[in-house]
């Protein structure tokens, strides 16, 4: 039996689905830590052609991931991901969406821009909740300062039956090689300042019930 390997909240024994990968560097960071990507499915909203145009420097990353056993899927939308031919009927221990963003249609503090982000996140939560194992978790890494705190993602999760298990501080340095990118617009291949942010962990059961159900 292979030794379990870990990096932060993730383990080589977990079935992991990554949603909204930009340049696939987060997937690569996990795969490097595990020494394999056999347990990882990494998805992107972009088509393969669009991805190569936005992130030409990441083509090698994609090739490496596939060589390590990662399933890489393009054009995966949060609305339909549970019906995707390669994802239908599959359940995951961890479903991860780092820095979800609906695109740049205004200033981040404007109400309609915030509502666009909220709609995206809520649709993601709804789809992800159908793809979890019994004790699986949905993780969203998100900025915690204003105006991003106004997204109220904990409330959005509760509206579709997901409950906060933990809010853990996020540091990009904890994931060697991870380089977050804007993903859209003229500067799509540029990184952005992370600042204060957290990884929010959600489960189908409230924390109190998860503790009661624990065998330990």
N, C-alpha and C. Protein backbone atom coordinates (compact mmCIF):
# COMPACT_ATOMS: atom_id res chain seq x y z
N UNK A 1 0.84 -1.20 0.00
CA UNK A 1 0.00 0.00 0.00
C UNK A 1 0.88 1.25 0.00
N UNK A 2 0.58 2.19 -0.89
CA UNK A 2 1.40 3.39 -1.00
C UNK A 2 1.20 4.30 0.21
N UNK A 3 2.28 4.96 0.60
CA UNK A 3 2.23 5.88 1.72
C UNK A 3 1.41 7.11 1.34
N UNK A 4 0.54 7.52 2.26
CA UNK A 4 -0.27 8.72 2.03
C UNK A 4 0.62 9.96 2.12
N UNK A 5 0.45 10.86 1.16
CA UNK A 5 1.22 12.10 1.15
C UNK A 5 0.24 13.27 1.23
N UNK A 6 0.67 14.32 1.94
CA UNK A 6 -0.23 15.44 2.19
C UNK A 6 0.42 16.78 1.84
N UNK A 7 -0.43 17.73 1.52
CA UNK A 7 -0.03 19.13 1.42
C UNK A 7 -1.21 19.95 1.92
N UNK A 8 -1.01 20.63 3.03
CA UNK A 8 -2.05 21.42 3.66
C UNK A 8 -3.33 20.60 3.88
N UNK A 9 -4.44 20.97 3.23
CA UNK A 9 -5.72 20.31 3.48
C UNK A 9 -5.96 19.10 2.58
N UNK A 10 -4.96 18.72 1.79
CA UNK A 10 -5.19 17.73 0.74
C UNK A 10 -4.26 16.53 0.87
N UNK A 11 -4.78 15.39 0.44
CA UNK A 11 -4.07 14.13 0.62
C UNK A 11 -4.11 13.31 -0.66
N UNK A 12 -3.08 12.50 -0.84
CA UNK A 12 -3.02 11.64 -2.03
C UNK A 12 -4.08 10.55 -1.98
N UNK A 13 -4.71 10.35 -0.82
CA UNK A 13 -5.76 9.33 -0.70
C UNK A 13 -7.15 9.88 -1.04
N UNK A 14 -7.25 11.18 -1.23
CA UNK A 14 -8.53 11.81 -1.53
C UNK A 14 -8.76 11.88 -3.04
N UNK A 15 -10.01 11.77 -3.42
CA UNK A 15 -10.40 12.05 -4.81
C UNK A 15 -10.70 13.55 -4.88
N UNK A 16 -9.90 14.26 -5.68
CA UNK A 16 -9.95 15.73 -5.68
C UNK A 16 -10.39 16.25 -7.04
N UNK A 17 -11.37 17.14 -7.02
CA UNK A 17 -11.82 17.84 -8.23
C UNK A 17 -11.47 19.31 -8.09
N UNK A 18 -10.71 19.83 -9.04
CA UNK A 18 -10.34 21.24 -9.06
C UNK A 18 -11.15 21.94 -10.14
N UNK A 19 -11.82 23.00 -9.76
CA UNK A 19 -12.72 23.73 -10.66
C UNK A 19 -12.14 25.12 -10.94
N UNK A 20 -12.27 25.57 -12.18
CA UNK A 20 -11.83 26.92 -12.51
C UNK A 20 -10.33 27.10 -12.49
N UNK A 21 -9.59 26.05 -12.82
CA UNK A 21 -8.14 26.18 -12.88
C UNK A 21 -7.78 27.14 -14.02
N UNK A 22 -6.87 28.06 -13.75
CA UNK A 22 -6.44 29.01 -14.78
C UNK A 22 -5.29 28.44 -15.57
N UNK A 23 -4.11 28.47 -14.96
CA UNK A 23 -2.92 27.93 -15.63
C UNK A 23 -2.55 26.54 -15.10
N UNK A 24 -3.42 25.95 -14.31
CA UNK A 24 -3.26 24.59 -13.77
C UNK A 24 -2.06 24.48 -12.82
N UNK A 25 -1.59 25.59 -12.29
CA UNK A 25 -0.43 25.52 -11.39
C UNK A 25 -0.81 25.01 -10.00
N UNK A 26 -2.08 25.19 -9.59
CA UNK A 26 -2.49 24.63 -8.30
C UNK A 26 -2.52 23.10 -8.39
N UNK A 27 -3.07 22.60 -9.49
CA UNK A 27 -3.08 21.16 -9.71
C UNK A 27 -1.65 20.61 -9.72
N UNK A 28 -0.75 21.34 -10.36
CA UNK A 28 0.65 20.91 -10.44
C UNK A 28 1.31 20.90 -9.06
N UNK A 29 0.95 21.87 -8.22
CA UNK A 29 1.50 21.92 -6.87
C UNK A 29 1.08 20.69 -6.06
N UNK A 30 -0.20 20.34 -6.15
CA UNK A 30 -0.68 19.15 -5.44
C UNK A 30 -0.01 17.89 -5.98
N UNK A 31 0.04 17.78 -7.30
CA UNK A 31 0.62 16.59 -7.93
C UNK A 31 2.08 16.41 -7.53
N UNK A 32 2.82 17.51 -7.48
CA UNK A 32 4.23 17.43 -7.09
C UNK A 32 4.36 16.95 -5.65
N UNK A 33 3.49 17.45 -4.78
CA UNK A 33 3.53 17.04 -3.37
C UNK A 33 3.18 15.56 -3.21
N UNK A 34 2.24 15.08 -4.02
CA UNK A 34 1.81 13.69 -3.93
C UNK A 34 2.74 12.74 -4.67
N UNK A 35 3.50 13.28 -5.63
CA UNK A 35 4.32 12.43 -6.48
C UNK A 35 3.51 11.74 -7.55
N UNK A 36 2.25 12.13 -7.67
CA UNK A 36 1.33 11.54 -8.65
C UNK A 36 0.10 12.43 -8.73
N UNK A 37 -0.62 12.32 -9.85
CA UNK A 37 -1.87 13.06 -9.99
C UNK A 37 -3.02 12.12 -10.31
N UNK A 38 -2.86 10.86 -9.97
CA UNK A 38 -3.89 9.87 -10.28
C UNK A 38 -5.21 10.14 -9.57
N UNK A 39 -5.15 10.90 -8.48
CA UNK A 39 -6.36 11.18 -7.70
C UNK A 39 -6.96 12.55 -8.01
N UNK A 40 -6.45 13.22 -9.05
CA UNK A 40 -6.86 14.60 -9.33
C UNK A 40 -7.56 14.72 -10.68
N UNK A 41 -8.69 15.41 -10.68
CA UNK A 41 -9.33 15.86 -11.91
C UNK A 41 -9.27 17.38 -11.90
N UNK A 42 -8.62 17.97 -12.88
CA UNK A 42 -8.46 19.42 -12.95
C UNK A 42 -9.23 19.96 -14.14
N UNK A 43 -10.09 20.95 -13.89
CA UNK A 43 -10.95 21.46 -14.96
C UNK A 43 -10.77 22.95 -15.16
N UNK A 44 -11.10 23.38 -16.37
CA UNK A 44 -11.01 24.79 -16.74
C UNK A 44 -12.24 25.18 -17.54
N UNK A 45 -12.69 26.40 -17.37
CA UNK A 45 -13.81 26.90 -18.18
C UNK A 45 -13.37 27.14 -19.62
N UNK A 46 -12.10 27.46 -19.81
CA UNK A 46 -11.58 27.75 -21.15
C UNK A 46 -11.54 26.51 -22.03
N UNK A 47 -11.70 26.71 -23.32
CA UNK A 47 -11.42 25.64 -24.27
C UNK A 47 -9.91 25.43 -24.29
N UNK A 48 -9.47 24.34 -24.87
CA UNK A 48 -8.03 24.08 -24.93
C UNK A 48 -7.33 25.18 -25.74
N UNK A 49 -7.97 25.61 -26.82
CA UNK A 49 -7.38 26.65 -27.67
C UNK A 49 -7.29 27.97 -26.91
N UNK A 50 -8.35 28.31 -26.18
CA UNK A 50 -8.35 29.55 -25.40
C UNK A 50 -7.31 29.49 -24.30
N UNK A 51 -7.21 28.34 -23.65
CA UNK A 51 -6.20 28.16 -22.60
C UNK A 51 -4.80 28.41 -23.14
N UNK A 52 -4.49 27.82 -24.29
CA UNK A 52 -3.15 27.96 -24.85
C UNK A 52 -2.87 29.40 -25.26
N UNK A 53 -3.92 30.13 -25.66
CA UNK A 53 -3.74 31.53 -26.00
C UNK A 53 -3.52 32.40 -24.78
N UNK A 54 -4.23 32.09 -23.70
CA UNK A 54 -4.12 32.89 -22.48
C UNK A 54 -2.86 32.58 -21.69
N UNK A 55 -2.50 31.30 -21.63
CA UNK A 55 -1.40 30.87 -20.77
C UNK A 55 -0.39 30.01 -21.54
N UNK A 56 0.26 30.58 -22.54
CA UNK A 56 1.19 29.79 -23.35
C UNK A 56 2.33 29.19 -22.54
N UNK A 57 2.67 29.86 -21.43
CA UNK A 57 3.76 29.37 -20.59
C UNK A 57 3.35 28.16 -19.76
N UNK A 58 2.05 27.82 -19.76
CA UNK A 58 1.56 26.71 -18.94
C UNK A 58 1.32 25.43 -19.73
N UNK A 59 1.60 25.46 -21.02
CA UNK A 59 1.39 24.26 -21.84
C UNK A 59 2.23 23.10 -21.33
N UNK A 60 3.45 23.40 -20.91
CA UNK A 60 4.32 22.34 -20.37
C UNK A 60 3.75 21.79 -19.06
N UNK A 61 3.15 22.67 -18.25
CA UNK A 61 2.52 22.22 -17.01
C UNK A 61 1.43 21.20 -17.29
N UNK A 62 0.64 21.49 -18.30
CA UNK A 62 -0.45 20.59 -18.67
C UNK A 62 0.08 19.23 -19.11
N UNK A 63 1.12 19.25 -19.89
CA UNK A 63 1.72 18.00 -20.37
C UNK A 63 2.27 17.18 -19.20
N UNK A 64 2.90 17.87 -18.25
CA UNK A 64 3.44 17.19 -17.07
C UNK A 64 2.33 16.57 -16.23
N UNK A 65 1.25 17.33 -16.04
CA UNK A 65 0.12 16.83 -15.26
C UNK A 65 -0.45 15.56 -15.87
N UNK A 66 -0.66 15.59 -17.16
CA UNK A 66 -1.22 14.42 -17.83
C UNK A 66 -0.28 13.22 -17.70
N UNK A 67 1.01 13.49 -17.77
CA UNK A 67 1.99 12.42 -17.61
C UNK A 67 1.99 11.82 -16.21
N UNK A 68 1.52 12.60 -15.23
CA UNK A 68 1.46 12.12 -13.85
C UNK A 68 0.11 11.48 -13.52
N UNK A 69 -0.76 11.40 -14.53
CA UNK A 69 -2.03 10.71 -14.33
C UNK A 69 -3.23 11.60 -14.08
N UNK A 70 -3.05 12.91 -14.17
CA UNK A 70 -4.16 13.84 -13.93
C UNK A 70 -5.14 13.80 -15.09
N UNK A 71 -6.43 13.81 -14.78
CA UNK A 71 -7.46 13.98 -15.80
C UNK A 71 -7.68 15.48 -15.97
N UNK A 72 -7.42 15.99 -17.16
CA UNK A 72 -7.55 17.41 -17.45
C UNK A 72 -8.74 17.61 -18.39
N UNK A 73 -9.67 18.46 -17.97
CA UNK A 73 -10.88 18.70 -18.76
C UNK A 73 -11.04 20.19 -19.03
N UNK A 74 -11.32 20.52 -20.28
CA UNK A 74 -11.57 21.91 -20.66
C UNK A 74 -13.06 22.13 -20.88
N UNK A 75 -13.46 23.39 -20.88
CA UNK A 75 -14.85 23.80 -21.11
C UNK A 75 -15.81 23.14 -20.12
N UNK A 76 -15.41 23.16 -18.86
CA UNK A 76 -16.27 22.64 -17.80
C UNK A 76 -16.89 23.83 -17.06
N UNK A 77 -18.20 23.93 -17.13
CA UNK A 77 -18.93 25.03 -16.52
C UNK A 77 -19.53 24.57 -15.20
N UNK A 78 -19.58 25.45 -14.21
CA UNK A 78 -20.11 25.06 -12.90
C UNK A 78 -21.57 24.61 -12.99
N UNK A 79 -22.32 25.15 -13.94
CA UNK A 79 -23.73 24.80 -14.05
C UNK A 79 -23.94 23.36 -14.48
N UNK A 80 -23.06 22.86 -15.32
CA UNK A 80 -23.28 21.55 -15.93
C UNK A 80 -22.21 20.53 -15.58
N UNK A 81 -21.32 20.86 -14.65
CA UNK A 81 -20.19 19.96 -14.42
C UNK A 81 -20.63 18.59 -13.90
N UNK A 82 -21.73 18.53 -13.16
CA UNK A 82 -22.18 17.24 -12.63
C UNK A 82 -22.74 16.34 -13.74
N UNK A 83 -23.06 16.93 -14.91
CA UNK A 83 -23.55 16.15 -16.04
C UNK A 83 -22.48 15.93 -17.11
N UNK A 84 -21.27 16.43 -16.86
CA UNK A 84 -20.20 16.24 -17.83
C UNK A 84 -19.93 14.75 -18.02
N UNK A 85 -19.74 14.30 -19.27
CA UNK A 85 -19.54 12.86 -19.52
C UNK A 85 -18.43 12.23 -18.70
N UNK A 86 -17.39 13.01 -18.38
CA UNK A 86 -16.26 12.45 -17.62
C UNK A 86 -16.45 12.62 -16.11
N UNK A 87 -17.50 13.34 -15.71
CA UNK A 87 -17.71 13.60 -14.28
C UNK A 87 -19.01 13.01 -13.75
N UNK A 88 -19.95 12.74 -14.63
CA UNK A 88 -21.25 12.22 -14.21
C UNK A 88 -21.08 10.93 -13.41
N UNK A 89 -21.82 10.83 -12.33
CA UNK A 89 -21.82 9.65 -11.46
C UNK A 89 -20.53 9.50 -10.65
N UNK A 90 -19.64 10.48 -10.71
CA UNK A 90 -18.42 10.43 -9.89
C UNK A 90 -18.61 11.27 -8.63
N UNK A 91 -18.05 10.80 -7.53
CA UNK A 91 -18.11 11.54 -6.27
C UNK A 91 -16.69 11.86 -5.82
N UNK A 92 -16.55 12.99 -5.15
CA UNK A 92 -15.22 13.46 -4.76
C UNK A 92 -15.16 13.77 -3.26
N UNK A 93 -13.96 13.58 -2.71
CA UNK A 93 -13.74 13.90 -1.30
C UNK A 93 -13.48 15.39 -1.09
N UNK A 94 -12.89 16.02 -2.09
CA UNK A 94 -12.63 17.45 -2.03
C UNK A 94 -12.93 18.07 -3.40
N UNK A 95 -13.73 19.13 -3.39
CA UNK A 95 -14.01 19.90 -4.60
C UNK A 95 -13.55 21.33 -4.32
N UNK A 96 -12.62 21.82 -5.13
CA UNK A 96 -11.90 23.05 -4.81
C UNK A 96 -12.08 24.10 -5.91
N UNK A 97 -12.41 25.31 -5.50
CA UNK A 97 -12.51 26.44 -6.43
C UNK A 97 -11.73 27.59 -5.79
N UNK A 98 -10.57 27.89 -6.34
CA UNK A 98 -9.73 28.96 -5.80
C UNK A 98 -10.05 30.29 -6.49
N UNK A 99 -10.33 31.29 -5.69
CA UNK A 99 -10.58 32.65 -6.17
C UNK A 99 -11.60 32.70 -7.31
N UNK A 100 -12.81 32.23 -7.05
CA UNK A 100 -13.86 32.31 -8.09
C UNK A 100 -14.10 33.76 -8.49
N UNK A 101 -14.37 33.97 -9.76
CA UNK A 101 -14.57 35.33 -10.27
C UNK A 101 -15.44 35.26 -11.51
N UNK A 102 -16.45 36.09 -11.57
CA UNK A 102 -17.41 36.05 -12.67
C UNK A 102 -16.97 36.86 -13.89
N UNK A 103 -15.80 37.50 -13.80
CA UNK A 103 -15.34 38.33 -14.91
C UNK A 103 -15.43 39.80 -14.55
N UNK A 104 -14.80 40.63 -15.36
CA UNK A 104 -14.72 42.06 -15.06
C UNK A 104 -15.77 42.83 -15.85
N UNK A 105 -16.85 43.19 -15.16
CA UNK A 105 -17.93 43.95 -15.79
C UNK A 105 -18.16 45.29 -15.11
N UNK A 106 -17.36 45.58 -14.12
CA UNK A 106 -17.48 46.84 -13.38
C UNK A 106 -16.44 46.85 -12.28
N UNK A 107 -16.56 47.81 -11.36
CA UNK A 107 -15.67 47.86 -10.21
C UNK A 107 -16.11 46.83 -9.18
N UNK A 108 -15.13 46.27 -8.47
CA UNK A 108 -15.44 45.19 -7.53
C UNK A 108 -16.41 45.60 -6.43
N UNK A 109 -16.45 46.88 -6.09
CA UNK A 109 -17.33 47.31 -5.00
C UNK A 109 -18.76 47.57 -5.46
N UNK A 110 -19.00 47.57 -6.78
CA UNK A 110 -20.33 47.86 -7.28
C UNK A 110 -21.28 46.69 -7.03
N UNK A 111 -22.51 47.02 -6.68
CA UNK A 111 -23.48 46.01 -6.28
C UNK A 111 -23.71 44.96 -7.37
N UNK A 112 -23.87 45.41 -8.61
CA UNK A 112 -24.19 44.44 -9.66
C UNK A 112 -23.01 43.51 -9.93
N UNK A 113 -21.77 44.01 -9.74
CA UNK A 113 -20.60 43.15 -9.91
C UNK A 113 -20.55 42.10 -8.80
N UNK A 114 -20.84 42.53 -7.58
CA UNK A 114 -20.88 41.58 -6.46
C UNK A 114 -21.95 40.53 -6.68
N UNK A 115 -23.10 40.94 -7.20
CA UNK A 115 -24.19 39.99 -7.45
C UNK A 115 -23.81 38.96 -8.52
N UNK A 116 -23.03 39.38 -9.50
CA UNK A 116 -22.55 38.43 -10.52
C UNK A 116 -21.66 37.37 -9.87
N UNK A 117 -20.77 37.82 -9.00
CA UNK A 117 -19.89 36.88 -8.29
C UNK A 117 -20.70 35.94 -7.41
N UNK A 118 -21.67 36.49 -6.70
CA UNK A 118 -22.50 35.67 -5.81
C UNK A 118 -23.26 34.60 -6.59
N UNK A 119 -23.77 34.99 -7.74
CA UNK A 119 -24.51 34.03 -8.56
C UNK A 119 -23.61 32.88 -9.01
N UNK A 120 -22.39 33.21 -9.42
CA UNK A 120 -21.43 32.18 -9.82
C UNK A 120 -21.13 31.22 -8.67
N UNK A 121 -20.83 31.78 -7.51
CA UNK A 121 -20.46 30.95 -6.36
C UNK A 121 -21.62 30.07 -5.91
N UNK A 122 -22.81 30.63 -5.90
CA UNK A 122 -23.97 29.84 -5.47
C UNK A 122 -24.24 28.70 -6.45
N UNK A 123 -24.10 28.96 -7.74
CA UNK A 123 -24.29 27.89 -8.73
C UNK A 123 -23.23 26.81 -8.57
N UNK A 124 -22.01 27.23 -8.26
CA UNK A 124 -20.95 26.25 -8.00
C UNK A 124 -21.29 25.40 -6.79
N UNK A 125 -21.71 26.03 -5.70
CA UNK A 125 -22.08 25.28 -4.50
C UNK A 125 -23.18 24.26 -4.79
N UNK A 126 -24.18 24.68 -5.54
CA UNK A 126 -25.31 23.80 -5.84
C UNK A 126 -24.85 22.57 -6.61
N UNK A 127 -24.00 22.77 -7.61
CA UNK A 127 -23.51 21.64 -8.40
C UNK A 127 -22.56 20.77 -7.59
N UNK A 128 -21.66 21.40 -6.85
CA UNK A 128 -20.67 20.65 -6.08
C UNK A 128 -21.31 19.78 -5.00
N UNK A 129 -22.40 20.27 -4.42
CA UNK A 129 -23.06 19.51 -3.35
C UNK A 129 -23.58 18.17 -3.84
N UNK A 130 -23.82 18.06 -5.14
CA UNK A 130 -24.31 16.80 -5.72
C UNK A 130 -23.17 15.83 -6.04
N UNK A 131 -21.93 16.30 -5.91
CA UNK A 131 -20.79 15.51 -6.34
C UNK A 131 -19.87 15.11 -5.19
N UNK A 132 -20.34 15.30 -3.96
CA UNK A 132 -19.53 15.01 -2.78
C UNK A 132 -19.77 13.60 -2.25
N UNK A 133 -18.72 13.00 -1.73
CA UNK A 133 -18.88 11.79 -0.94
C UNK A 133 -19.55 12.19 0.38
N UNK A 134 -19.94 11.20 1.17
CA UNK A 134 -20.68 11.49 2.40
C UNK A 134 -20.00 12.47 3.33
N UNK A 135 -18.69 12.33 3.49
CA UNK A 135 -17.95 13.23 4.37
C UNK A 135 -17.03 14.15 3.57
N UNK A 136 -17.38 14.35 2.31
CA UNK A 136 -16.59 15.22 1.45
C UNK A 136 -16.75 16.68 1.80
N UNK A 137 -15.85 17.50 1.27
CA UNK A 137 -15.87 18.93 1.54
C UNK A 137 -15.72 19.74 0.25
N UNK A 138 -16.36 20.89 0.24
CA UNK A 138 -16.19 21.88 -0.82
C UNK A 138 -15.31 22.99 -0.28
N UNK A 139 -14.25 23.32 -0.98
CA UNK A 139 -13.33 24.36 -0.54
C UNK A 139 -13.36 25.55 -1.51
N UNK A 140 -13.48 26.73 -0.95
CA UNK A 140 -13.39 27.96 -1.74
C UNK A 140 -12.36 28.87 -1.09
N UNK A 141 -11.33 29.21 -1.84
CA UNK A 141 -10.34 30.17 -1.35
C UNK A 141 -10.74 31.55 -1.86
N UNK A 142 -10.81 32.51 -0.93
CA UNK A 142 -11.45 33.78 -1.25
C UNK A 142 -10.83 34.90 -0.41
N UNK A 143 -10.72 36.08 -0.99
CA UNK A 143 -10.23 37.24 -0.25
C UNK A 143 -11.24 37.61 0.84
N UNK A 144 -10.72 38.04 1.98
CA UNK A 144 -11.60 38.31 3.12
C UNK A 144 -11.84 39.80 3.38
N UNK A 145 -11.10 40.67 2.70
CA UNK A 145 -11.28 42.10 2.92
C UNK A 145 -12.43 42.66 2.09
N UNK A 146 -12.78 43.91 2.35
CA UNK A 146 -13.81 44.61 1.59
C UNK A 146 -13.27 44.93 0.19
N UNK A 147 -14.06 44.76 -0.88
CA UNK A 147 -15.49 44.43 -0.93
C UNK A 147 -15.77 42.93 -1.03
N UNK A 148 -14.72 42.10 -1.01
CA UNK A 148 -14.91 40.66 -1.24
C UNK A 148 -15.69 39.99 -0.10
N UNK A 149 -15.55 40.55 1.09
CA UNK A 149 -16.31 40.00 2.23
C UNK A 149 -17.81 40.17 2.03
N UNK A 150 -18.19 41.11 1.17
CA UNK A 150 -19.61 41.36 0.93
C UNK A 150 -20.26 40.31 0.04
N UNK A 151 -19.47 39.37 -0.46
CA UNK A 151 -20.05 38.26 -1.22
C UNK A 151 -20.86 37.34 -0.30
N UNK A 152 -20.50 37.32 0.99
CA UNK A 152 -21.21 36.50 1.98
C UNK A 152 -21.27 35.03 1.55
N UNK A 153 -20.11 34.45 1.28
CA UNK A 153 -20.12 33.09 0.72
C UNK A 153 -20.61 32.04 1.71
N UNK A 154 -20.46 32.28 3.00
CA UNK A 154 -20.98 31.31 3.97
C UNK A 154 -22.50 31.23 3.87
N UNK A 155 -23.14 32.37 3.73
CA UNK A 155 -24.60 32.40 3.58
C UNK A 155 -25.01 31.75 2.26
N UNK A 156 -24.26 32.00 1.20
CA UNK A 156 -24.58 31.40 -0.10
C UNK A 156 -24.52 29.88 -0.01
N UNK A 157 -23.53 29.37 0.71
CA UNK A 157 -23.40 27.92 0.86
C UNK A 157 -24.58 27.35 1.64
N UNK A 158 -24.96 28.02 2.71
CA UNK A 158 -26.07 27.54 3.54
C UNK A 158 -27.38 27.48 2.74
N UNK A 159 -27.53 28.39 1.78
CA UNK A 159 -28.75 28.42 0.98
C UNK A 159 -28.92 27.19 0.11
N UNK A 160 -27.83 26.46 -0.15
CA UNK A 160 -27.93 25.23 -0.94
C UNK A 160 -27.61 23.99 -0.10
N UNK A 161 -27.58 24.16 1.23
CA UNK A 161 -27.41 23.00 2.11
C UNK A 161 -25.99 22.63 2.44
N UNK A 162 -25.06 23.58 2.34
CA UNK A 162 -23.68 23.33 2.75
C UNK A 162 -23.37 24.19 3.97
N UNK A 163 -22.58 23.63 4.88
CA UNK A 163 -22.31 24.30 6.14
C UNK A 163 -20.82 24.47 6.36
N UNK A 164 -20.45 25.60 6.95
CA UNK A 164 -19.04 25.90 7.18
C UNK A 164 -18.46 24.97 8.23
N UNK A 165 -17.37 24.31 7.86
CA UNK A 165 -16.64 23.44 8.78
C UNK A 165 -15.46 24.17 9.39
N UNK A 166 -14.77 24.95 8.55
CA UNK A 166 -13.58 25.66 9.02
C UNK A 166 -13.24 26.79 8.05
N UNK A 167 -12.72 27.88 8.59
CA UNK A 167 -12.12 28.94 7.78
C UNK A 167 -10.64 28.96 8.10
N UNK A 168 -9.81 28.56 7.15
CA UNK A 168 -8.37 28.43 7.38
C UNK A 168 -7.62 29.51 6.61
N UNK A 169 -6.69 30.21 7.25
CA UNK A 169 -5.90 31.22 6.55
C UNK A 169 -5.18 30.61 5.35
N UNK A 170 -5.15 31.34 4.25
CA UNK A 170 -4.51 30.86 3.03
C UNK A 170 -3.24 31.64 2.76
N UNK A 171 -2.16 30.91 2.48
CA UNK A 171 -0.90 31.51 2.06
C UNK A 171 -0.44 30.82 0.79
N UNK A 172 -0.22 31.61 -0.24
CA UNK A 172 0.18 31.02 -1.51
C UNK A 172 1.48 30.23 -1.39
N UNK A 173 2.36 30.66 -0.49
CA UNK A 173 3.65 29.99 -0.32
C UNK A 173 3.50 28.56 0.19
N UNK A 174 2.34 28.23 0.75
CA UNK A 174 2.11 26.86 1.23
C UNK A 174 1.95 25.88 0.07
N UNK A 175 1.79 26.42 -1.14
CA UNK A 175 1.61 25.58 -2.33
C UNK A 175 2.70 25.92 -3.34
N UNK A 176 3.88 25.35 -3.18
CA UNK A 176 5.01 25.69 -4.06
C UNK A 176 4.64 25.55 -5.54
N UNK A 177 4.97 26.58 -6.29
CA UNK A 177 4.70 26.56 -7.72
C UNK A 177 3.35 27.14 -8.12
N UNK A 178 2.46 27.34 -7.13
CA UNK A 178 1.14 27.88 -7.47
C UNK A 178 1.26 29.36 -7.78
N UNK A 179 0.69 29.76 -8.91
CA UNK A 179 0.71 31.15 -9.33
C UNK A 179 -0.68 31.51 -9.83
N UNK A 180 -1.42 32.22 -8.99
CA UNK A 180 -2.79 32.60 -9.35
C UNK A 180 -2.77 33.62 -10.49
N UNK A 181 -3.71 33.48 -11.41
CA UNK A 181 -3.78 34.37 -12.57
C UNK A 181 -5.17 35.01 -12.66
N UNK A 182 -5.23 36.18 -13.30
CA UNK A 182 -6.51 36.88 -13.46
C UNK A 182 -7.50 36.05 -14.27
N UNK A 183 -7.04 35.43 -15.34
CA UNK A 183 -7.88 34.49 -16.08
C UNK A 183 -8.76 35.08 -17.17
N UNK A 184 -9.04 36.38 -17.11
CA UNK A 184 -9.86 36.99 -18.15
C UNK A 184 -9.40 38.42 -18.38
N UNK A 185 -9.81 38.98 -19.52
CA UNK A 185 -9.40 40.33 -19.85
C UNK A 185 -8.03 40.38 -20.52
N UNK A 186 -7.58 41.59 -20.83
CA UNK A 186 -6.31 41.76 -21.52
C UNK A 186 -5.12 41.29 -20.69
N UNK A 187 -5.27 41.32 -19.38
CA UNK A 187 -4.18 40.93 -18.49
C UNK A 187 -4.43 39.55 -17.88
N UNK A 188 -5.06 38.67 -18.65
CA UNK A 188 -5.50 37.38 -18.13
C UNK A 188 -4.36 36.51 -17.60
N UNK A 189 -3.15 36.69 -18.14
CA UNK A 189 -2.03 35.84 -17.72
C UNK A 189 -1.20 36.47 -16.61
N UNK A 190 -1.68 37.59 -16.08
CA UNK A 190 -0.97 38.24 -14.98
C UNK A 190 -1.50 37.75 -13.64
N UNK A 191 -0.60 37.68 -12.68
CA UNK A 191 -1.02 37.32 -11.34
C UNK A 191 -1.68 38.52 -10.67
N UNK A 192 -2.29 38.30 -9.53
CA UNK A 192 -2.89 39.40 -8.77
C UNK A 192 -2.52 39.24 -7.31
N UNK A 193 -2.54 40.35 -6.60
CA UNK A 193 -2.18 40.33 -5.19
C UNK A 193 -3.23 39.56 -4.40
N UNK A 194 -2.78 38.58 -3.65
CA UNK A 194 -3.71 37.75 -2.89
C UNK A 194 -4.18 38.49 -1.63
N UNK A 195 -3.27 39.08 -0.90
CA UNK A 195 -3.64 39.79 0.32
C UNK A 195 -4.22 38.85 1.38
N UNK A 196 -5.09 39.38 2.21
CA UNK A 196 -5.72 38.57 3.25
C UNK A 196 -6.80 37.69 2.63
N UNK A 197 -6.67 36.39 2.80
CA UNK A 197 -7.69 35.49 2.27
C UNK A 197 -7.71 34.20 3.06
N UNK A 198 -8.76 33.44 2.86
CA UNK A 198 -8.96 32.20 3.60
C UNK A 198 -9.47 31.11 2.67
N UNK A 199 -9.23 29.87 3.09
CA UNK A 199 -9.88 28.74 2.45
C UNK A 199 -11.07 28.35 3.31
N UNK A 200 -12.26 28.50 2.75
CA UNK A 200 -13.49 28.15 3.45
C UNK A 200 -13.84 26.71 3.11
N UNK A 201 -14.06 25.91 4.16
CA UNK A 201 -14.37 24.49 3.96
C UNK A 201 -15.83 24.25 4.34
N UNK A 202 -16.56 23.63 3.42
CA UNK A 202 -17.98 23.38 3.64
C UNK A 202 -18.28 21.89 3.51
N UNK A 203 -19.29 21.43 4.24
CA UNK A 203 -19.73 20.04 4.16
C UNK A 203 -21.25 20.01 4.15
N UNK A 204 -21.80 18.85 3.83
CA UNK A 204 -23.26 18.71 3.78
C UNK A 204 -23.88 18.72 5.17
N UNK A 205 -23.10 18.35 6.17
CA UNK A 205 -23.60 18.32 7.53
C UNK A 205 -22.96 19.43 8.35
N UNK A 206 -23.71 20.04 9.26
CA UNK A 206 -23.11 21.03 10.16
C UNK A 206 -21.98 20.41 10.96
N UNK A 207 -21.05 21.22 11.42
CA UNK A 207 -19.88 20.73 12.14
C UNK A 207 -20.25 19.87 13.34
N UNK A 208 -21.31 20.25 14.06
CA UNK A 208 -21.71 19.49 15.25
C UNK A 208 -22.04 18.04 14.90
N UNK A 209 -22.73 17.84 13.77
CA UNK A 209 -23.11 16.49 13.37
C UNK A 209 -21.91 15.72 12.85
N UNK A 210 -20.98 16.42 12.17
CA UNK A 210 -19.77 15.75 11.70
C UNK A 210 -18.97 15.21 12.87
N UNK A 211 -18.90 15.98 13.96
CA UNK A 211 -18.18 15.55 15.15
C UNK A 211 -18.86 14.34 15.78
N UNK A 212 -20.20 14.39 15.84
CA UNK A 212 -20.94 13.27 16.43
C UNK A 212 -20.78 12.00 15.61
N UNK A 213 -20.67 12.14 14.28
CA UNK A 213 -20.55 10.97 13.41
C UNK A 213 -19.13 10.43 13.34
N UNK A 214 -18.15 11.21 13.83
CA UNK A 214 -16.76 10.78 13.73
C UNK A 214 -16.53 9.50 14.52
N UNK A 215 -15.79 8.54 13.94
CA UNK A 215 -15.51 7.29 14.65
C UNK A 215 -14.45 7.45 15.72
N UNK A 216 -13.82 8.63 15.81
CA UNK A 216 -12.73 8.83 16.77
C UNK A 216 -13.20 9.58 18.01
